[in-house]
Amino acid sequence: MWYVYILECWNDSLYTGITNDLDKRMAAHKSGKGSKYVKAKGFSRLLHAISVEDKKEAARMEYQIKQLERNDKITFFMQHPDRKF
């Protein structure tokens, strides 16, 4: 199982990523080792995660989401009510 997730950063920006271990990835982000972007901006919370079957599907969905404007990203995740936080 893979997850596509969205974080809200301290500067109100959004970060979208993928992982096969959501808890481990969140711990990595909190420690500053998850990604350069989140390390620089910090994050306040995990907004939402969507479970998908495999890494290929997760990567495809992540790319699609990253092409969207902020409000459209939020709408996309809310239309996939798999796992809210």
N, C-alpha and C. Protein backbone atom coordinates (compact mmCIF):
# COMPACT_ATOMS: atom_id res chain seq x y z
N MET A 1 0.84 -1.18 0.00
CA MET A 1 0.00 0.00 0.00
C MET A 1 0.89 1.25 0.00
N TRP A 2 0.55 2.19 -0.84
CA TRP A 2 1.25 3.47 -0.91
C TRP A 2 0.26 4.59 -0.58
N TYR A 3 0.80 5.73 -0.20
CA TYR A 3 -0.02 6.89 0.15
C TYR A 3 0.46 8.12 -0.59
N VAL A 4 -0.49 8.92 -1.02
CA VAL A 4 -0.24 10.26 -1.54
C VAL A 4 -0.76 11.19 -0.45
N TYR A 5 0.09 12.10 0.03
CA TYR A 5 -0.31 12.92 1.17
C TYR A 5 -0.05 14.39 0.90
N ILE A 6 -0.71 15.22 1.69
CA ILE A 6 -0.54 16.67 1.58
C ILE A 6 -0.30 17.24 2.98
N LEU A 7 0.73 18.07 3.07
CA LEU A 7 1.08 18.73 4.32
C LEU A 7 0.79 20.22 4.20
N GLU A 8 0.42 20.83 5.29
CA GLU A 8 0.33 22.28 5.36
C GLU A 8 1.60 22.77 6.04
N CYS A 9 2.34 23.63 5.36
CA CYS A 9 3.60 24.15 5.91
C CYS A 9 3.34 25.40 6.73
N TRP A 10 4.33 25.80 7.52
CA TRP A 10 4.19 26.96 8.40
C TRP A 10 3.92 28.25 7.64
N ASN A 11 4.36 28.33 6.37
CA ASN A 11 4.11 29.54 5.59
C ASN A 11 2.81 29.45 4.79
N ASP A 12 1.95 28.50 5.15
CA ASP A 12 0.64 28.26 4.51
C ASP A 12 0.75 27.64 3.12
N SER A 13 1.93 27.26 2.70
CA SER A 13 2.05 26.54 1.43
C SER A 13 1.69 25.08 1.67
N LEU A 14 1.50 24.35 0.58
CA LEU A 14 1.15 22.94 0.65
C LEU A 14 2.27 22.10 0.04
N TYR A 15 2.51 20.95 0.61
CA TYR A 15 3.50 20.03 0.08
C TYR A 15 2.83 18.69 -0.16
N THR A 16 2.99 18.14 -1.34
CA THR A 16 2.44 16.84 -1.70
C THR A 16 3.57 15.86 -1.88
N GLY A 17 3.41 14.67 -1.31
CA GLY A 17 4.43 13.64 -1.43
C GLY A 17 3.82 12.25 -1.44
N ILE A 18 4.68 11.24 -1.59
CA ILE A 18 4.24 9.85 -1.57
C ILE A 18 5.11 9.05 -0.60
N THR A 19 4.56 7.97 -0.09
CA THR A 19 5.30 7.09 0.81
C THR A 19 4.58 5.75 0.92
N ASN A 20 5.32 4.75 1.34
CA ASN A 20 4.68 3.47 1.64
C ASN A 20 4.61 3.25 3.16
N ASP A 21 5.10 4.21 3.94
CA ASP A 21 5.03 4.15 5.40
C ASP A 21 4.77 5.57 5.91
N LEU A 22 3.51 5.88 6.09
CA LEU A 22 3.10 7.25 6.42
C LEU A 22 3.68 7.72 7.76
N ASP A 23 3.64 6.87 8.78
CA ASP A 23 4.17 7.27 10.09
C ASP A 23 5.67 7.56 10.02
N LYS A 24 6.40 6.70 9.34
CA LYS A 24 7.84 6.89 9.22
C LYS A 24 8.16 8.16 8.43
N ARG A 25 7.38 8.43 7.38
CA ARG A 25 7.61 9.63 6.56
C ARG A 25 7.32 10.90 7.35
N MET A 26 6.25 10.88 8.16
CA MET A 26 5.93 12.05 8.97
C MET A 26 7.04 12.29 10.00
N ALA A 27 7.58 11.23 10.57
CA ALA A 27 8.69 11.37 11.52
C ALA A 27 9.91 11.97 10.81
N ALA A 28 10.16 11.54 9.58
CA ALA A 28 11.28 12.09 8.81
C ALA A 28 11.07 13.57 8.54
N HIS A 29 9.85 13.96 8.15
CA HIS A 29 9.57 15.38 7.93
C HIS A 29 9.76 16.18 9.22
N LYS A 30 9.27 15.66 10.33
CA LYS A 30 9.40 16.37 11.61
C LYS A 30 10.85 16.57 12.01
N SER A 31 11.70 15.60 11.67
CA SER A 31 13.11 15.70 12.03
C SER A 31 13.92 16.51 11.02
N GLY A 32 13.27 16.95 9.93
CA GLY A 32 13.97 17.75 8.92
C GLY A 32 14.66 16.92 7.86
N LYS A 33 14.38 15.62 7.82
CA LYS A 33 15.04 14.75 6.85
C LYS A 33 14.10 14.24 5.76
N GLY A 34 12.86 14.71 5.74
CA GLY A 34 11.87 14.23 4.78
C GLY A 34 12.04 14.78 3.39
N SER A 35 12.26 16.07 3.27
CA SER A 35 12.47 16.71 1.97
C SER A 35 13.10 18.08 2.21
N LYS A 36 13.79 18.59 1.21
CA LYS A 36 14.41 19.91 1.34
C LYS A 36 13.36 20.99 1.53
N TYR A 37 12.25 20.88 0.79
CA TYR A 37 11.20 21.89 0.87
C TYR A 37 10.62 21.97 2.28
N VAL A 38 10.24 20.82 2.82
CA VAL A 38 9.63 20.81 4.14
C VAL A 38 10.66 21.18 5.22
N LYS A 39 11.89 20.81 5.03
CA LYS A 39 12.93 21.20 5.97
C LYS A 39 13.05 22.73 6.02
N ALA A 40 12.99 23.36 4.85
CA ALA A 40 13.12 24.82 4.77
C ALA A 40 11.87 25.53 5.29
N LYS A 41 10.69 25.00 5.00
CA LYS A 41 9.44 25.68 5.35
C LYS A 41 8.85 25.21 6.67
N GLY A 42 9.18 23.99 7.09
CA GLY A 42 8.54 23.41 8.27
C GLY A 42 7.11 23.06 7.95
N PHE A 43 6.52 22.15 8.70
CA PHE A 43 5.12 21.87 8.46
C PHE A 43 4.33 21.85 9.75
N SER A 44 3.10 22.28 9.64
CA SER A 44 2.25 22.36 10.82
C SER A 44 1.42 21.11 11.01
N ARG A 45 0.97 20.49 9.88
CA ARG A 45 0.15 19.29 10.04
C ARG A 45 -0.04 18.54 8.72
N LEU A 46 -0.35 17.29 8.88
CA LEU A 46 -0.75 16.45 7.76
C LEU A 46 -2.22 16.71 7.52
N LEU A 47 -2.58 17.15 6.33
CA LEU A 47 -3.97 17.47 6.04
C LEU A 47 -4.76 16.25 5.61
N HIS A 48 -4.15 15.41 4.77
CA HIS A 48 -4.93 14.33 4.17
C HIS A 48 -3.98 13.33 3.52
N ALA A 49 -4.41 12.09 3.44
CA ALA A 49 -3.65 11.06 2.73
C ALA A 49 -4.63 10.16 1.99
N ILE A 50 -4.23 9.74 0.81
CA ILE A 50 -5.04 8.85 -0.02
C ILE A 50 -4.23 7.58 -0.22
N SER A 51 -4.84 6.44 0.02
CA SER A 51 -4.12 5.18 -0.20
C SER A 51 -4.33 4.74 -1.65
N VAL A 52 -3.26 4.22 -2.22
CA VAL A 52 -3.29 3.69 -3.59
C VAL A 52 -2.58 2.33 -3.61
N GLU A 53 -2.74 1.61 -4.69
CA GLU A 53 -2.24 0.24 -4.77
C GLU A 53 -0.72 0.10 -4.86
N ASP A 54 -0.08 0.98 -5.65
CA ASP A 54 1.36 0.79 -5.86
C ASP A 54 2.08 2.12 -6.07
N LYS A 55 3.39 2.04 -6.11
CA LYS A 55 4.23 3.24 -6.24
C LYS A 55 3.98 3.97 -7.56
N LYS A 56 3.77 3.23 -8.63
CA LYS A 56 3.53 3.85 -9.93
C LYS A 56 2.27 4.72 -9.91
N GLU A 57 1.21 4.19 -9.33
CA GLU A 57 -0.03 4.96 -9.22
C GLU A 57 0.15 6.17 -8.31
N ALA A 58 0.89 5.99 -7.21
CA ALA A 58 1.15 7.10 -6.29
C ALA A 58 1.94 8.21 -6.98
N ALA A 59 2.97 7.84 -7.71
CA ALA A 59 3.80 8.84 -8.41
C ALA A 59 2.99 9.58 -9.48
N ARG A 60 2.14 8.86 -10.17
CA ARG A 60 1.30 9.49 -11.20
C ARG A 60 0.34 10.49 -10.57
N MET A 61 -0.28 10.09 -9.45
CA MET A 61 -1.22 10.98 -8.77
C MET A 61 -0.49 12.18 -8.18
N GLU A 62 0.69 11.97 -7.60
CA GLU A 62 1.48 13.07 -7.04
C GLU A 62 1.80 14.10 -8.12
N TYR A 63 2.23 13.64 -9.29
CA TYR A 63 2.55 14.55 -10.38
C TYR A 63 1.31 15.34 -10.79
N GLN A 64 0.18 14.66 -10.91
CA GLN A 64 -1.07 15.32 -11.30
C GLN A 64 -1.43 16.40 -10.29
N ILE A 65 -1.31 16.10 -9.01
CA ILE A 65 -1.67 17.06 -7.96
C ILE A 65 -0.72 18.26 -7.97
N LYS A 66 0.55 18.02 -8.18
CA LYS A 66 1.53 19.11 -8.16
C LYS A 66 1.35 20.10 -9.30
N GLN A 67 0.57 19.73 -10.31
CA GLN A 67 0.28 20.64 -11.41
C GLN A 67 -0.87 21.60 -11.08
N LEU A 68 -1.58 21.34 -10.00
CA LEU A 68 -2.77 22.11 -9.64
C LEU A 68 -2.44 23.35 -8.82
N GLU A 69 -3.35 24.30 -8.86
CA GLU A 69 -3.27 25.47 -7.98
C GLU A 69 -3.65 25.05 -6.57
N ARG A 70 -3.31 25.87 -5.58
CA ARG A 70 -3.53 25.55 -4.17
C ARG A 70 -4.96 25.08 -3.88
N ASN A 71 -5.95 25.87 -4.24
CA ASN A 71 -7.34 25.51 -3.93
C ASN A 71 -7.76 24.23 -4.63
N ASP A 72 -7.26 24.02 -5.83
CA ASP A 72 -7.59 22.80 -6.56
C ASP A 72 -6.94 21.57 -5.91
N LYS A 73 -5.77 21.75 -5.30
CA LYS A 73 -5.14 20.65 -4.58
C LYS A 73 -6.01 20.23 -3.40
N ILE A 74 -6.48 21.20 -2.65
CA ILE A 74 -7.33 20.90 -1.50
C ILE A 74 -8.60 20.22 -1.95
N THR A 75 -9.21 20.73 -3.01
CA THR A 75 -10.42 20.12 -3.55
C THR A 75 -10.17 18.68 -3.97
N PHE A 76 -9.06 18.44 -4.64
CA PHE A 76 -8.72 17.09 -5.10
C PHE A 76 -8.68 16.12 -3.92
N PHE A 77 -7.98 16.50 -2.86
CA PHE A 77 -7.88 15.62 -1.70
C PHE A 77 -9.22 15.42 -1.02
N MET A 78 -10.02 16.47 -0.95
CA MET A 78 -11.32 16.35 -0.29
C MET A 78 -12.29 15.46 -1.10
N GLN A 79 -12.07 15.35 -2.39
CA GLN A 79 -12.90 14.47 -3.22
C GLN A 79 -12.47 13.01 -3.10
N HIS A 80 -11.39 12.76 -2.39
CA HIS A 80 -10.89 11.40 -2.15
C HIS A 80 -10.83 11.20 -0.63
N PRO A 81 -11.97 10.97 -0.01
CA PRO A 81 -12.04 10.94 1.46
C PRO A 81 -11.50 9.65 2.07
N ASP A 82 -10.35 9.22 1.63
CA ASP A 82 -9.78 7.98 2.12
C ASP A 82 -9.33 8.06 3.56
N ARG A 83 -8.56 9.09 3.87
CA ARG A 83 -7.99 9.18 5.22
C ARG A 83 -7.73 10.64 5.57
N LYS A 84 -8.60 11.23 6.34
CA LYS A 84 -8.42 12.63 6.74
C LYS A 84 -7.76 12.71 8.09
N PHE A 85 -7.08 13.84 8.33
CA PHE A 85 -6.42 14.07 9.62
C PHE A 85 -6.85 15.40 10.18
